[in-house]
Amino acid sequence: MSGLPGVTSKIVQTLANKQIPILQSADSHRTIWVLIQNEHLETALNALHVAFQLE
């Protein structure tokens, strides 16, 4: 994500803190995506919302 240093690091650290393994990831100038197991989806979404203050 152009102009926003540390976003990927924050995502990785947030998921690691919840013991959610990242199976695959990719990024571009506008997008960051990570592939996780479906069983971790709700926990990951909630943790990322808190980490990025989106609640």
C-alpha atoms as a PDB file:
ATOM      1  CA  MET A   1       0.000   0.000   0.000  1.00  0.00           C
ATOM      2  CA  SER A   2       1.754   3.003  -1.328  1.00  0.00           C
ATOM      3  CA  GLY A   3       2.458   5.703   1.241  1.00  0.00           C
ATOM      4  CA  LEU A   4       1.420   3.651   4.277  1.00  0.00           C
ATOM      5  CA  PRO A   5       4.487   1.923   5.693  1.00  0.00           C
ATOM      6  CA  GLY A   6       3.972  -0.862   8.201  1.00  0.00           C
ATOM      7  CA  VAL A   7       0.518  -2.031   7.129  1.00  0.00           C
ATOM      8  CA  THR A   8       1.650  -5.509   6.113  1.00  0.00           C
ATOM      9  CA  SER A   9       3.708  -5.816   9.272  1.00  0.00           C
ATOM     10  CA  LYS A  10       0.693  -4.859  11.380  1.00  0.00           C
ATOM     11  CA  ILE A  11      -1.477  -7.457   9.643  1.00  0.00           C
ATOM     12  CA  VAL A  12       1.116 -10.209  10.072  1.00  0.00           C
ATOM     13  CA  GLN A  13       1.762  -9.341  13.726  1.00  0.00           C
ATOM     14  CA  THR A  14      -1.949  -9.129  14.538  1.00  0.00           C
ATOM     15  CA  LEU A  15      -2.637 -12.559  13.066  1.00  0.00           C
ATOM     16  CA  ALA A  16       0.473 -14.053  14.671  1.00  0.00           C
ATOM     17  CA  ASN A  17      -0.668 -12.779  18.073  1.00  0.00           C
ATOM     18  CA  LYS A  18      -3.883 -14.795  17.593  1.00  0.00           C
ATOM     19  CA  GLN A  19      -1.923 -17.867  16.376  1.00  0.00           C
ATOM     20  CA  ILE A  20      -3.543 -17.597  12.937  1.00  0.00           C
ATOM     21  CA  PRO A  21      -1.216 -18.976  10.269  1.00  0.00           C
ATOM     22  CA  ILE A  22      -0.985 -17.102   6.988  1.00  0.00           C
ATOM     23  CA  LEU A  23      -1.051 -19.651   4.186  1.00  0.00           C
ATOM     24  CA  GLN A  24      -0.307 -17.182   1.401  1.00  0.00           C
ATOM     25  CA  SER A  25      -0.105 -13.416   0.933  1.00  0.00           C
ATOM     26  CA  ALA A  26       0.338 -10.816  -1.771  1.00  0.00           C
ATOM     27  CA  ASP A  27       0.396  -7.064  -2.044  1.00  0.00           C
ATOM     28  CA  SER A  28       0.322  -4.330  -4.640  1.00  0.00           C
ATOM     29  CA  HIS A  29       0.256  -0.552  -4.531  1.00  0.00           C
ATOM     30  CA  ARG A  30      -3.384  -0.588  -3.412  1.00  0.00           C
ATOM     31  CA  THR A  31      -4.115  -4.007  -1.966  1.00  0.00           C
ATOM     32  CA  ILE A  32      -2.849  -6.427   0.651  1.00  0.00           C
ATOM     33  CA  TRP A  33      -4.438  -9.835   0.964  1.00  0.00           C
ATOM     34  CA  VAL A  34      -3.750 -12.868   3.090  1.00  0.00           C
ATOM     35  CA  LEU A  35      -5.066 -16.394   2.811  1.00  0.00           C
ATOM     36  CA  ILE A  36      -6.039 -18.055   6.079  1.00  0.00           C
ATOM     37  CA  GLN A  37      -8.094 -21.092   6.981  1.00  0.00           C
ATOM     38  CA  ASN A  38     -11.833 -20.449   7.087  1.00  0.00           C
ATOM     39  CA  GLU A  39     -12.018 -21.570  10.722  1.00  0.00           C
ATOM     40  CA  HIS A  40      -9.970 -18.470  11.693  1.00  0.00           C
ATOM     41  CA  LEU A  41     -11.989 -15.962   9.676  1.00  0.00           C
ATOM     42  CA  GLU A  42     -14.086 -14.411  12.438  1.00  0.00           C
ATOM     43  CA  THR A  43     -11.174 -14.150  14.883  1.00  0.00           C
ATOM     44  CA  ALA A  44      -8.957 -12.627  12.187  1.00  0.00           C
ATOM     45  CA  LEU A  45     -11.548 -10.065  11.127  1.00  0.00           C
ATOM     46  CA  ASN A  46     -12.219  -8.996  14.699  1.00  0.00           C
ATOM     47  CA  ALA A  47      -8.508  -8.756  15.530  1.00  0.00           C
ATOM     48  CA  LEU A  48      -7.753  -6.722  12.394  1.00  0.00           C
ATOM     49  CA  HIS A  49     -10.675  -4.374  13.055  1.00  0.00           C
ATOM     50  CA  VAL A  50      -9.279  -3.690  16.521  1.00  0.00           C
ATOM     51  CA  ALA A  51      -5.690  -3.336  15.263  1.00  0.00           C
ATOM     52  CA  PHE A  52      -6.695  -0.800  12.603  1.00  0.00           C
ATOM     53  CA  GLN A  53      -9.312   0.876  14.819  1.00  0.00           C
ATOM     54  CA  LEU A  54     -12.198   0.067  12.466  1.00  0.00           C
ATOM     55  CA  GLU A  55     -14.814  -0.892  15.028  1.00  0.00           C
END
